[in-house]
C-alpha atoms as a PDB file:
ATOM      1  CA  UNK A   1      -0.014   0.049   0.017  1.00  0.00           C
ATOM      2  CA  UNK A   2       1.485   3.354  -1.085  1.00  0.00           C
ATOM      3  CA  UNK A   3       0.761   6.471   1.046  1.00  0.00           C
ATOM      4  CA  UNK A   4       3.246   8.664  -0.781  1.00  0.00           C
ATOM      5  CA  UNK A   5       2.102  12.017  -1.969  1.00  0.00           C
ATOM      6  CA  UNK A   6       3.731  14.940  -3.794  1.00  0.00           C
ATOM      7  CA  UNK A   7       3.292  18.314  -2.248  1.00  0.00           C
ATOM      8  CA  UNK A   8       4.725  21.540  -3.580  1.00  0.00           C
ATOM      9  CA  UNK A   9       7.385  19.575  -5.470  1.00  0.00           C
ATOM     10  CA  UNK A  10       8.393  17.640  -2.385  1.00  0.00           C
ATOM     11  CA  UNK A  11       8.027  13.891  -2.056  1.00  0.00           C
ATOM     12  CA  UNK A  12       6.258  12.964   1.225  1.00  0.00           C
ATOM     13  CA  UNK A  13       6.065   9.407   2.514  1.00  0.00           C
ATOM     14  CA  UNK A  14       2.444  10.052   3.580  1.00  0.00           C
ATOM     15  CA  UNK A  15      -0.059  12.853   3.723  1.00  0.00           C
ATOM     16  CA  UNK A  16       0.409  13.870   7.312  1.00  0.00           C
ATOM     17  CA  UNK A  17       2.393  17.081   7.938  1.00  0.00           C
ATOM     18  CA  UNK A  18       3.240  18.364  11.377  1.00  0.00           C
ATOM     19  CA  UNK A  19       1.962  21.970  11.219  1.00  0.00           C
ATOM     20  CA  UNK A  20       3.676  24.921  12.859  1.00  0.00           C
ATOM     21  CA  UNK A  21       3.407  24.748  16.658  1.00  0.00           C
ATOM     22  CA  UNK A  22       5.467  24.746  19.799  1.00  0.00           C
ATOM     23  CA  UNK A  23       6.433  21.185  19.003  1.00  0.00           C
ATOM     24  CA  UNK A  24       8.137  22.222  15.828  1.00  0.00           C
ATOM     25  CA  UNK A  25      10.367  24.804  17.657  1.00  0.00           C
ATOM     26  CA  UNK A  26      12.470  22.089  19.381  1.00  0.00           C
ATOM     27  CA  UNK A  27      14.552  19.394  17.706  1.00  0.00           C
ATOM     28  CA  UNK A  28      13.628  16.868  20.348  1.00  0.00           C
ATOM     29  CA  UNK A  29       9.955  17.153  19.685  1.00  0.00           C
ATOM     30  CA  UNK A  30      10.516  17.212  15.931  1.00  0.00           C
ATOM     31  CA  UNK A  31      12.379  13.830  16.149  1.00  0.00           C
ATOM     32  CA  UNK A  32       9.337  12.467  18.005  1.00  0.00           C
ATOM     33  CA  UNK A  33       7.076  13.725  15.326  1.00  0.00           C
ATOM     34  CA  UNK A  34       9.132  12.092  12.683  1.00  0.00           C
ATOM     35  CA  UNK A  35       9.290   8.861  14.661  1.00  0.00           C
ATOM     36  CA  UNK A  36       5.448   8.906  14.989  1.00  0.00           C
ATOM     37  CA  UNK A  37       5.137   9.093  11.193  1.00  0.00           C
ATOM     38  CA  UNK A  38       4.997  12.800  10.215  1.00  0.00           C
ATOM     39  CA  UNK A  39       5.997  13.099   6.567  1.00  0.00           C
ATOM     40  CA  UNK A  40       7.185  16.744   6.861  1.00  0.00           C
ATOM     41  CA  UNK A  41       7.744  19.407   9.466  1.00  0.00           C
ATOM     42  CA  UNK A  42       6.487  23.039   9.306  1.00  0.00           C
ATOM     43  CA  UNK A  43       8.716  24.892  11.795  1.00  0.00           C
ATOM     44  CA  UNK A  44       7.308  27.235  14.378  1.00  0.00           C
ATOM     45  CA  UNK A  45       6.757  30.545  12.556  1.00  0.00           C
ATOM     46  CA  UNK A  46       9.158  33.402  12.853  1.00  0.00           C
ATOM     47  CA  UNK A  47       7.166  36.680  12.947  1.00  0.00           C
ATOM     48  CA  UNK A  48       7.563  39.432  10.314  1.00  0.00           C
ATOM     49  CA  UNK A  49       8.325  42.002  13.047  1.00  0.00           C
ATOM     50  CA  UNK A  50      11.388  40.066  14.106  1.00  0.00           C
ATOM     51  CA  UNK A  51      12.682  39.968  10.572  1.00  0.00           C
ATOM     52  CA  UNK A  52      11.995  43.598   9.996  1.00  0.00           C
ATOM     53  CA  UNK A  53      14.647  44.491  12.588  1.00  0.00           C
ATOM     54  CA  UNK A  54      17.123  42.453  10.540  1.00  0.00           C
ATOM     55  CA  UNK A  55      16.065  44.397   7.444  1.00  0.00           C
ATOM     56  CA  UNK A  56      16.733  47.676   9.336  1.00  0.00           C
ATOM     57  CA  UNK A  57      20.242  46.459  10.291  1.00  0.00           C
ATOM     58  CA  UNK A  58      21.148  45.648   6.790  1.00  0.00           C
ATOM     59  CA  UNK A  59      19.894  49.052   5.499  1.00  0.00           C
ATOM     60  CA  UNK A  60      21.887  50.759   8.260  1.00  0.00           C
ATOM     61  CA  UNK A  61      24.993  48.774   7.440  1.00  0.00           C
ATOM     62  CA  UNK A  62      24.690  49.906   3.876  1.00  0.00           C
ATOM     63  CA  UNK A  63      23.902  53.487   4.468  1.00  0.00           C
ATOM     64  CA  UNK A  64      25.074  54.462   8.062  1.00  0.00           C
ATOM     65  CA  UNK A  65      27.729  52.029   8.979  1.00  0.00           C
ATOM     66  CA  UNK A  66      26.727  50.097  12.020  1.00  0.00           C
ATOM     67  CA  UNK A  67      24.559  52.786  13.609  1.00  0.00           C
ATOM     68  CA  UNK A  68      21.001  52.004  14.521  1.00  0.00           C
ATOM     69  CA  UNK A  69      17.991  54.140  13.759  1.00  0.00           C
ATOM     70  CA  UNK A  70      17.115  56.332  16.750  1.00  0.00           C
ATOM     71  CA  UNK A  71      13.633  54.941  17.118  1.00  0.00           C
ATOM     72  CA  UNK A  72      14.856  51.371  17.789  1.00  0.00           C
ATOM     73  CA  UNK A  73      15.494  50.320  21.399  1.00  0.00           C
ATOM     74  CA  UNK A  74      18.847  48.657  21.548  1.00  0.00           C
ATOM     75  CA  UNK A  75      17.970  45.911  23.954  1.00  0.00           C
ATOM     76  CA  UNK A  76      14.765  44.899  22.067  1.00  0.00           C
ATOM     77  CA  UNK A  77      16.791  44.908  18.943  1.00  0.00           C
ATOM     78  CA  UNK A  78      19.395  42.546  20.411  1.00  0.00           C
ATOM     79  CA  UNK A  79      16.616  40.150  21.593  1.00  0.00           C
ATOM     80  CA  UNK A  80      15.082  40.051  18.114  1.00  0.00           C
ATOM     81  CA  UNK A  81      18.509  39.573  16.470  1.00  0.00           C
ATOM     82  CA  UNK A  82      19.002  36.539  18.659  1.00  0.00           C
ATOM     83  CA  UNK A  83      15.558  35.108  17.639  1.00  0.00           C
ATOM     84  CA  UNK A  84      16.534  35.423  14.003  1.00  0.00           C
ATOM     85  CA  UNK A  85      19.869  33.682  14.510  1.00  0.00           C
ATOM     86  CA  UNK A  86      18.233  30.989  16.497  1.00  0.00           C
ATOM     87  CA  UNK A  87      15.670  30.400  13.798  1.00  0.00           C
ATOM     88  CA  UNK A  88      18.356  29.967  11.093  1.00  0.00           C
ATOM     89  CA  UNK A  89      20.160  27.643  13.392  1.00  0.00           C
ATOM     90  CA  UNK A  90      16.991  25.664  13.984  1.00  0.00           C
ATOM     91  CA  UNK A  91      16.641  25.113  10.234  1.00  0.00           C
ATOM     92  CA  UNK A  92      20.166  23.852  10.012  1.00  0.00           C
ATOM     93  CA  UNK A  93      19.806  21.558  12.999  1.00  0.00           C
ATOM     94  CA  UNK A  94      16.514  20.148  11.759  1.00  0.00           C
ATOM     95  CA  UNK A  95      17.956  19.504   8.337  1.00  0.00           C
ATOM     96  CA  UNK A  96      20.996  17.691   9.859  1.00  0.00           C
ATOM     97  CA  UNK A  97      18.937  15.423  12.132  1.00  0.00           C
ATOM     98  CA  UNK A  98      15.659  14.811  10.334  1.00  0.00           C
ATOM     99  CA  UNK A  99      15.215  12.749   7.226  1.00  0.00           C
ATOM    100  CA  UNK A 100      11.874  14.371   6.219  1.00  0.00           C
ATOM    101  CA  UNK A 101      11.351  17.772   4.510  1.00  0.00           C
ATOM    102  CA  UNK A 102      11.670  20.802   6.744  1.00  0.00           C
ATOM    103  CA  UNK A 103       9.498  23.805   5.807  1.00  0.00           C
ATOM    104  CA  UNK A 104      10.291  27.208   7.221  1.00  0.00           C
ATOM    105  CA  UNK A 105       7.328  29.347   8.249  1.00  0.00           C
ATOM    106  CA  UNK A 106       7.013  33.100   8.254  1.00  0.00           C
ATOM    107  CA  UNK A 107       4.038  34.862  10.009  1.00  0.00           C
ATOM    108  CA  UNK A 108       3.327  37.791   7.658  1.00  0.00           C
ATOM    109  CA  UNK A 109       1.403  40.709   9.107  1.00  0.00           C
ATOM    110  CA  UNK A 110       1.585  44.074   7.321  1.00  0.00           C
ATOM    111  CA  UNK A 111       4.796  44.622   5.262  1.00  0.00           C
ATOM    112  CA  UNK A 112       6.868  43.128   2.504  1.00  0.00           C
ATOM    113  CA  UNK A 113      10.123  44.968   2.918  1.00  0.00           C
ATOM    114  CA  UNK A 114      11.617  42.157   4.890  1.00  0.00           C
ATOM    115  CA  UNK A 115      11.227  39.607   2.070  1.00  0.00           C
ATOM    116  CA  UNK A 116      15.011  39.596   1.354  1.00  0.00           C
ATOM    117  CA  UNK A 117      15.171  37.313   4.405  1.00  0.00           C
ATOM    118  CA  UNK A 118      13.602  34.480   2.494  1.00  0.00           C
ATOM    119  CA  UNK A 119      16.968  33.971   0.888  1.00  0.00           C
ATOM    120  CA  UNK A 120      18.569  33.333   4.237  1.00  0.00           C
ATOM    121  CA  UNK A 121      15.928  30.653   5.005  1.00  0.00           C
ATOM    122  CA  UNK A 122      16.836  28.970   1.735  1.00  0.00           C
ATOM    123  CA  UNK A 123      20.559  29.214   2.439  1.00  0.00           C
ATOM    124  CA  UNK A 124      20.047  27.689   5.830  1.00  0.00           C
ATOM    125  CA  UNK A 125      18.632  24.555   4.185  1.00  0.00           C
ATOM    126  CA  UNK A 126      14.894  24.926   4.305  1.00  0.00           C
ATOM    127  CA  UNK A 127      13.171  22.646   1.769  1.00  0.00           C
ATOM    128  CA  UNK A 128      10.295  25.117   1.293  1.00  0.00           C
ATOM    129  CA  UNK A 129       8.872  28.270   2.834  1.00  0.00           C
ATOM    130  CA  UNK A 130       5.298  28.596   4.111  1.00  0.00           C
ATOM    131  CA  UNK A 131       3.904  32.126   4.312  1.00  0.00           C
ATOM    132  CA  UNK A 132       1.294  32.295   7.005  1.00  0.00           C
ATOM    133  CA  UNK A 133      -0.512  35.456   5.868  1.00  0.00           C
ATOM    134  CA  UNK A 134      -3.500  37.271   7.313  1.00  0.00           C
ATOM    135  CA  UNK A 135      -4.549  40.892   7.419  1.00  0.00           C
ATOM    136  CA  UNK A 136      -7.501  41.326   9.773  1.00  0.00           C
ATOM    137  CA  UNK A 137     -10.276  43.128   7.843  1.00  0.00           C
ATOM    138  CA  UNK A 138     -10.655  45.702  10.610  1.00  0.00           C
ATOM    139  CA  UNK A 139      -9.038  48.682   8.841  1.00  0.00           C
ATOM    140  CA  UNK A 140     -12.027  50.348   7.410  1.00  0.00           C
ATOM    141  CA  UNK A 141      -9.872  52.940   5.528  1.00  0.00           C
ATOM    142  CA  UNK A 142      -8.858  50.257   3.017  1.00  0.00           C
ATOM    143  CA  UNK A 143     -10.859  48.490   0.436  1.00  0.00           C
ATOM    144  CA  UNK A 144     -10.937  44.717   0.115  1.00  0.00           C
ATOM    145  CA  UNK A 145      -8.950  45.051  -3.124  1.00  0.00           C
ATOM    146  CA  UNK A 146      -6.200  47.026  -1.371  1.00  0.00           C
ATOM    147  CA  UNK A 147      -6.013  44.512   1.399  1.00  0.00           C
ATOM    148  CA  UNK A 148      -5.795  41.588  -1.094  1.00  0.00           C
ATOM    149  CA  UNK A 149      -3.076  43.298  -3.083  1.00  0.00           C
ATOM    150  CA  UNK A 150      -0.724  42.981  -0.094  1.00  0.00           C
ATOM    151  CA  UNK A 151      -0.834  39.207  -0.524  1.00  0.00           C
ATOM    152  CA  UNK A 152       0.231  39.342  -4.211  1.00  0.00           C
ATOM    153  CA  UNK A 153       2.944  41.879  -3.516  1.00  0.00           C
ATOM    154  CA  UNK A 154       4.550  39.824  -0.757  1.00  0.00           C
ATOM    155  CA  UNK A 155       4.350  36.598  -2.841  1.00  0.00           C
ATOM    156  CA  UNK A 156       5.843  38.339  -5.861  1.00  0.00           C
ATOM    157  CA  UNK A 157       8.765  39.606  -3.831  1.00  0.00           C
ATOM    158  CA  UNK A 158       9.407  36.267  -2.120  1.00  0.00           C
ATOM    159  CA  UNK A 159       9.361  34.345  -5.347  1.00  0.00           C
ATOM    160  CA  UNK A 160      11.883  36.750  -6.684  1.00  0.00           C
ATOM    161  CA  UNK A 161      14.250  35.922  -3.880  1.00  0.00           C
ATOM    162  CA  UNK A 162      14.187  32.111  -3.620  1.00  0.00           C
ATOM    163  CA  UNK A 163      14.234  29.045  -5.872  1.00  0.00           C
ATOM    164  CA  UNK A 164      12.792  26.634  -3.309  1.00  0.00           C
ATOM    165  CA  UNK A 165       9.005  26.010  -3.241  1.00  0.00           C
ATOM    166  CA  UNK A 166       6.860  28.694  -1.618  1.00  0.00           C
ATOM    167  CA  UNK A 167       3.474  27.832  -0.100  1.00  0.00           C
ATOM    168  CA  UNK A 168       0.769  30.038   1.375  1.00  0.00           C
ATOM    169  CA  UNK A 169      -1.394  29.556   4.452  1.00  0.00           C
ATOM    170  CA  UNK A 170      -4.430  31.798   4.419  1.00  0.00           C
ATOM    171  CA  UNK A 171      -7.682  32.451   6.295  1.00  0.00           C
ATOM    172  CA  UNK A 172     -11.169  32.343   5.001  1.00  0.00           C
ATOM    173  CA  UNK A 173     -11.698  36.133   5.500  1.00  0.00           C
ATOM    174  CA  UNK A 174     -12.022  37.287   1.854  1.00  0.00           C
ATOM    175  CA  UNK A 175     -14.798  39.053   0.104  1.00  0.00           C
ATOM    176  CA  UNK A 176     -14.794  36.442  -2.671  1.00  0.00           C
ATOM    177  CA  UNK A 177     -12.907  33.486  -1.260  1.00  0.00           C
ATOM    178  CA  UNK A 178     -13.006  31.174  -4.281  1.00  0.00           C
ATOM    179  CA  UNK A 179     -11.867  33.918  -6.730  1.00  0.00           C
ATOM    180  CA  UNK A 180      -8.967  34.934  -4.359  1.00  0.00           C
ATOM    181  CA  UNK A 181      -7.867  31.250  -3.865  1.00  0.00           C
ATOM    182  CA  UNK A 182      -7.736  30.757  -7.610  1.00  0.00           C
ATOM    183  CA  UNK A 183      -5.826  34.002  -8.253  1.00  0.00           C
ATOM    184  CA  UNK A 184      -3.370  33.341  -5.443  1.00  0.00           C
ATOM    185  CA  UNK A 185      -2.739  29.799  -6.739  1.00  0.00           C
ATOM    186  CA  UNK A 186      -1.679  31.278 -10.105  1.00  0.00           C
ATOM    187  CA  UNK A 187       1.068  33.514  -8.747  1.00  0.00           C
ATOM    188  CA  UNK A 188       3.718  30.832  -8.838  1.00  0.00           C
ATOM    189  CA  UNK A 189       3.279  29.403  -5.320  1.00  0.00           C
ATOM    190  CA  UNK A 190       3.168  25.591  -5.185  1.00  0.00           C
ATOM    191  CA  UNK A 191       0.863  24.963  -2.372  1.00  0.00           C
ATOM    192  CA  UNK A 192      -1.904  26.562  -0.295  1.00  0.00           C
ATOM    193  CA  UNK A 193      -3.016  25.675   3.159  1.00  0.00           C
ATOM    194  CA  UNK A 194      -6.704  26.130   4.024  1.00  0.00           C
ATOM    195  CA  UNK A 195      -7.052  27.540   6.679  1.00  0.00           C
ATOM    196  CA  UNK A 196      -4.930  29.114   9.339  1.00  0.00           C
ATOM    197  CA  UNK A 197      -6.236  29.420  12.854  1.00  0.00           C
ATOM    198  CA  UNK A 198      -5.764  32.625  14.997  1.00  0.00           C
ATOM    199  CA  UNK A 199      -5.518  33.799  18.436  1.00  0.00           C
ATOM    200  CA  UNK A 200      -9.039  34.575  19.644  1.00  0.00           C
ATOM    201  CA  UNK A 201      -9.753  37.018  22.446  1.00  0.00           C
ATOM    202  CA  UNK A 202     -12.124  36.296  25.256  1.00  0.00           C
ATOM    203  CA  UNK A 203     -13.436  38.379  28.206  1.00  0.00           C
ATOM    204  CA  UNK A 204     -12.868  37.707  31.865  1.00  0.00           C
ATOM    205  CA  UNK A 205     -16.086  39.228  33.324  1.00  0.00           C
ATOM    206  CA  UNK A 206     -14.777  39.147  36.891  1.00  0.00           C
ATOM    207  CA  UNK A 207     -11.434  40.837  36.290  1.00  0.00           C
ATOM    208  CA  UNK A 208     -12.972  42.986  33.523  1.00  0.00           C
ATOM    209  CA  UNK A 209     -10.104  42.323  31.113  1.00  0.00           C
ATOM    210  CA  UNK A 210      -9.345  40.718  27.790  1.00  0.00           C
ATOM    211  CA  UNK A 211      -7.712  37.277  27.872  1.00  0.00           C
ATOM    212  CA  UNK A 212      -6.659  34.683  25.240  1.00  0.00           C
ATOM    213  CA  UNK A 213      -8.875  31.721  24.710  1.00  0.00           C
ATOM    214  CA  UNK A 214      -9.659  28.902  22.313  1.00  0.00           C
ATOM    215  CA  UNK A 215      -5.987  27.974  21.883  1.00  0.00           C
ATOM    216  CA  UNK A 216      -6.484  24.547  20.277  1.00  0.00           C
ATOM    217  CA  UNK A 217      -8.790  23.579  17.459  1.00  0.00           C
ATOM    218  CA  UNK A 218     -11.543  21.081  18.152  1.00  0.00           C
ATOM    219  CA  UNK A 219     -12.557  18.116  15.927  1.00  0.00           C
ATOM    220  CA  UNK A 220     -15.644  19.875  14.630  1.00  0.00           C
ATOM    221  CA  UNK A 221     -13.746  22.775  13.058  1.00  0.00           C
ATOM    222  CA  UNK A 222     -12.804  20.770  10.018  1.00  0.00           C
ATOM    223  CA  UNK A 223     -16.083  21.735   8.216  1.00  0.00           C
ATOM    224  CA  UNK A 224     -14.738  24.974   6.700  1.00  0.00           C
ATOM    225  CA  UNK A 225     -11.629  23.622   5.092  1.00  0.00           C
ATOM    226  CA  UNK A 226     -13.521  20.490   3.991  1.00  0.00           C
ATOM    227  CA  UNK A 227     -16.127  22.579   2.015  1.00  0.00           C
ATOM    228  CA  UNK A 228     -13.529  24.816   0.412  1.00  0.00           C
ATOM    229  CA  UNK A 229     -11.083  22.232  -0.599  1.00  0.00           C
ATOM    230  CA  UNK A 230     -13.934  20.255  -2.105  1.00  0.00           C
ATOM    231  CA  UNK A 231     -15.113  23.374  -4.062  1.00  0.00           C
ATOM    232  CA  UNK A 232     -11.662  24.347  -5.200  1.00  0.00           C
ATOM    233  CA  UNK A 233     -10.199  20.987  -6.087  1.00  0.00           C
ATOM    234  CA  UNK A 234      -9.320  20.932  -9.779  1.00  0.00           C
ATOM    235  CA  UNK A 235      -9.654  24.690 -10.057  1.00  0.00           C
ATOM    236  CA  UNK A 236      -6.296  25.760  -8.602  1.00  0.00           C
ATOM    237  CA  UNK A 237      -2.804  25.931 -10.136  1.00  0.00           C
ATOM    238  CA  UNK A 238      -1.241  24.546  -6.918  1.00  0.00           C
ATOM    239  CA  UNK A 239      -1.676  21.794  -4.327  1.00  0.00           C
ATOM    240  CA  UNK A 240      -4.204  22.253  -1.557  1.00  0.00           C
ATOM    241  CA  UNK A 241      -3.572  21.203   2.060  1.00  0.00           C
ATOM    242  CA  UNK A 242      -6.215  20.964   4.760  1.00  0.00           C
ATOM    243  CA  UNK A 243      -5.587  22.502   8.208  1.00  0.00           C
ATOM    244  CA  UNK A 244      -7.654  23.097  11.340  1.00  0.00           C
ATOM    245  CA  UNK A 245      -9.825  20.500  13.162  1.00  0.00           C
ATOM    246  CA  UNK A 246      -8.105  17.461  11.839  1.00  0.00           C
ATOM    247  CA  UNK A 247      -8.024  15.234  14.958  1.00  0.00           C
ATOM    248  CA  UNK A 248      -8.470  11.666  13.514  1.00  0.00           C
ATOM    249  CA  UNK A 249      -7.699   9.466  10.611  1.00  0.00           C
ATOM    250  CA  UNK A 250     -11.360   9.628   9.630  1.00  0.00           C
ATOM    251  CA  UNK A 251     -11.111  13.432   9.269  1.00  0.00           C
ATOM    252  CA  UNK A 252      -7.858  13.208   7.329  1.00  0.00           C
ATOM    253  CA  UNK A 253      -9.573  10.659   4.914  1.00  0.00           C
ATOM    254  CA  UNK A 254     -12.402  13.168   4.401  1.00  0.00           C
ATOM    255  CA  UNK A 255      -9.943  15.918   3.455  1.00  0.00           C
ATOM    256  CA  UNK A 256      -8.302  13.563   0.949  1.00  0.00           C
ATOM    257  CA  UNK A 257     -11.663  12.636  -0.504  1.00  0.00           C
ATOM    258  CA  UNK A 258     -12.345  16.382  -0.917  1.00  0.00           C
ATOM    259  CA  UNK A 259      -9.124  16.826  -2.857  1.00  0.00           C
ATOM    260  CA  UNK A 260      -6.462  17.683  -0.310  1.00  0.00           C
ATOM    261  CA  UNK A 261      -2.948  16.675  -1.244  1.00  0.00           C
ATOM    262  CA  UNK A 262      -2.034  16.445   2.416  1.00  0.00           C
ATOM    263  CA  UNK A 263      -3.196  17.589   5.855  1.00  0.00           C
ATOM    264  CA  UNK A 264      -1.536  19.559   8.661  1.00  0.00           C
ATOM    265  CA  UNK A 265      -1.967  18.626  12.298  1.00  0.00           C
ATOM    266  CA  UNK A 266      -0.982  20.371  15.433  1.00  0.00           C
ATOM    267  CA  UNK A 267      -3.672  20.675  18.195  1.00  0.00           C
ATOM    268  CA  UNK A 268      -4.334  16.893  18.248  1.00  0.00           C
ATOM    269  CA  UNK A 269      -0.622  16.256  19.114  1.00  0.00           C
ATOM    270  CA  UNK A 270      -0.976  18.509  22.152  1.00  0.00           C
ATOM    271  CA  UNK A 271      -4.232  16.710  23.255  1.00  0.00           C
ATOM    272  CA  UNK A 272      -3.360  13.096  22.449  1.00  0.00           C
ATOM    273  CA  UNK A 273       0.461  12.959  22.197  1.00  0.00           C
ATOM    274  CA  UNK A 274       2.782  12.189  19.338  1.00  0.00           C
ATOM    275  CA  UNK A 275       1.120   8.826  18.881  1.00  0.00           C
ATOM    276  CA  UNK A 276      -1.907  10.656  17.421  1.00  0.00           C
ATOM    277  CA  UNK A 277      -0.027  10.820  14.107  1.00  0.00           C
ATOM    278  CA  UNK A 278       0.703   7.046  14.158  1.00  0.00           C
ATOM    279  CA  UNK A 279      -3.017   6.309  14.969  1.00  0.00           C
ATOM    280  CA  UNK A 280      -4.187   8.521  12.006  1.00  0.00           C
ATOM    281  CA  UNK A 281      -1.880   6.783   9.531  1.00  0.00           C
ATOM    282  CA  UNK A 282      -3.037   3.338  10.851  1.00  0.00           C
ATOM    283  CA  UNK A 283      -6.614   4.442  10.338  1.00  0.00           C
ATOM    284  CA  UNK A 284      -5.950   5.633   6.794  1.00  0.00           C
ATOM    285  CA  UNK A 285      -4.123   2.348   5.885  1.00  0.00           C
ATOM    286  CA  UNK A 286      -7.004   0.293   7.402  1.00  0.00           C
ATOM    287  CA  UNK A 287      -9.671   2.185   5.525  1.00  0.00           C
ATOM    288  CA  UNK A 288      -7.734   1.981   2.232  1.00  0.00           C
ATOM    289  CA  UNK A 289      -7.361  -1.747   2.624  1.00  0.00           C
ATOM    290  CA  UNK A 290     -11.026  -2.143   3.383  1.00  0.00           C
ATOM    291  CA  UNK A 291     -12.010  -0.023   0.348  1.00  0.00           C
ATOM    292  CA  UNK A 292      -9.465  -1.610  -2.012  1.00  0.00           C
ATOM    293  CA  UNK A 293      -7.319   1.466  -2.596  1.00  0.00           C
ATOM    294  CA  UNK A 294      -3.702   1.056  -3.320  1.00  0.00           C
ATOM    295  CA  UNK A 295      -2.615   4.715  -3.224  1.00  0.00           C
ATOM    296  CA  UNK A 296      -3.862   8.141  -2.147  1.00  0.00           C
ATOM    297  CA  UNK A 297      -4.269   9.071  -5.777  1.00  0.00           C
ATOM    298  CA  UNK A 298      -6.845   6.365  -6.191  1.00  0.00           C
ATOM    299  CA  UNK A 299      -9.361   8.206  -4.052  1.00  0.00           C
ATOM    300  CA  UNK A 300      -8.220  11.870  -3.863  1.00  0.00           C
ATOM    301  CA  UNK A 301     -10.990  14.194  -4.837  1.00  0.00           C
ATOM    302  CA  UNK A 302     -13.619  11.504  -5.278  1.00  0.00           C
ATOM    303  CA  UNK A 303     -16.118  13.538  -3.157  1.00  0.00           C
ATOM    304  CA  UNK A 304     -15.106  16.929  -4.436  1.00  0.00           C
ATOM    305  CA  UNK A 305     -17.458  19.409  -6.181  1.00  0.00           C
ATOM    306  CA  UNK A 306     -16.375  18.095  -9.543  1.00  0.00           C
ATOM    307  CA  UNK A 307     -17.198  14.434  -8.776  1.00  0.00           C
ATOM    308  CA  UNK A 308     -20.287  14.304  -6.513  1.00  0.00           C
ATOM    309  CA  UNK A 309     -23.735  13.761  -7.951  1.00  0.00           C
ATOM    310  CA  UNK A 310     -25.175  16.927  -6.439  1.00  0.00           C
ATOM    311  CA  UNK A 311     -22.344  19.634  -6.164  1.00  0.00           C
ATOM    312  CA  UNK A 312     -24.960  22.156  -4.870  1.00  0.00           C
ATOM    313  CA  UNK A 313     -24.479  20.570  -1.402  1.00  0.00           C
ATOM    314  CA  UNK A 314     -21.259  22.477  -1.183  1.00  0.00           C
ATOM    315  CA  UNK A 315     -22.867  25.799  -1.939  1.00  0.00           C
ATOM    316  CA  UNK A 316     -26.022  25.495   0.141  1.00  0.00           C
ATOM    317  CA  UNK A 317     -25.689  27.772   3.173  1.00  0.00           C
ATOM    318  CA  UNK A 318     -29.084  27.821   4.732  1.00  0.00           C
ATOM    319  CA  UNK A 319     -30.475  25.045   6.862  1.00  0.00           C
ATOM    320  CA  UNK A 320     -33.043  22.845   5.138  1.00  0.00           C
ATOM    321  CA  UNK A 321     -36.035  21.516   7.020  1.00  0.00           C
ATOM    322  CA  UNK A 322     -35.081  17.868   7.343  1.00  0.00           C
ATOM    323  CA  UNK A 323     -37.394  17.255  10.285  1.00  0.00           C
ATOM    324  CA  UNK A 324     -41.033  18.063  10.588  1.00  0.00           C
END
């Protein structure tokens, strides 16, 4: 039985990717993820703000010697510089100790001036780069078109810098999601992850303050990526990967049936341990054997919009009256 898949030009031994998380920030945990069966690792994201300080340093070196701009705090700068050096070292260590692909991850927020740094990720040995991009649609001074243009600008600049595969992880917060997914897939990226999951604020009504909440996904959150991968399968110019709410082999199979090339998992590892990946792979193999499938390609997309008898089920958004 062959579980091998091709994602973003990389050959993966199976469709389970360890998504960016605290586990992928430490080589010890990454080795455990690989041992459990993960086919690739997406490193814990480095944030754009950290890279921006490196950009400022290079500009100052070129124009002002080694002086720092007056508005940067020296100690904060030193901390961020250490984070960047550590991240590049993490890539090198992961590549030296793991036998599976290592994907660097950048959390992109508001700028594209730092994109020169992508070359350093490539030089450190990353097999690919995942851009985790999201601009919260809360700035009412910008149109949706202006917000979306930031994605295309950043991707263009990154692709100009590197030769390794570039993938994109996005949210579902777009005015016309299907149109944007298709357009982004045609920029030259080789993979798109649907969808990223964000920090969500909550309120403490006793202390009267804002607090973080909903840190992990739950097993019911897979509905959104399932719908959109099924709708977009066969309509994009790059691979699609499912993320969020994938807590079992059954859910992973559903994503593959929808058309996903692979799935990313993170929360389930925190909740069930590294063995959750092994269990998921065992479930996929058992199901494939029971259904008579020899490879992932034999059933990928079989329940996508293109292949089901009534594709309208993916577009229906109002509840129907099933019960009297």
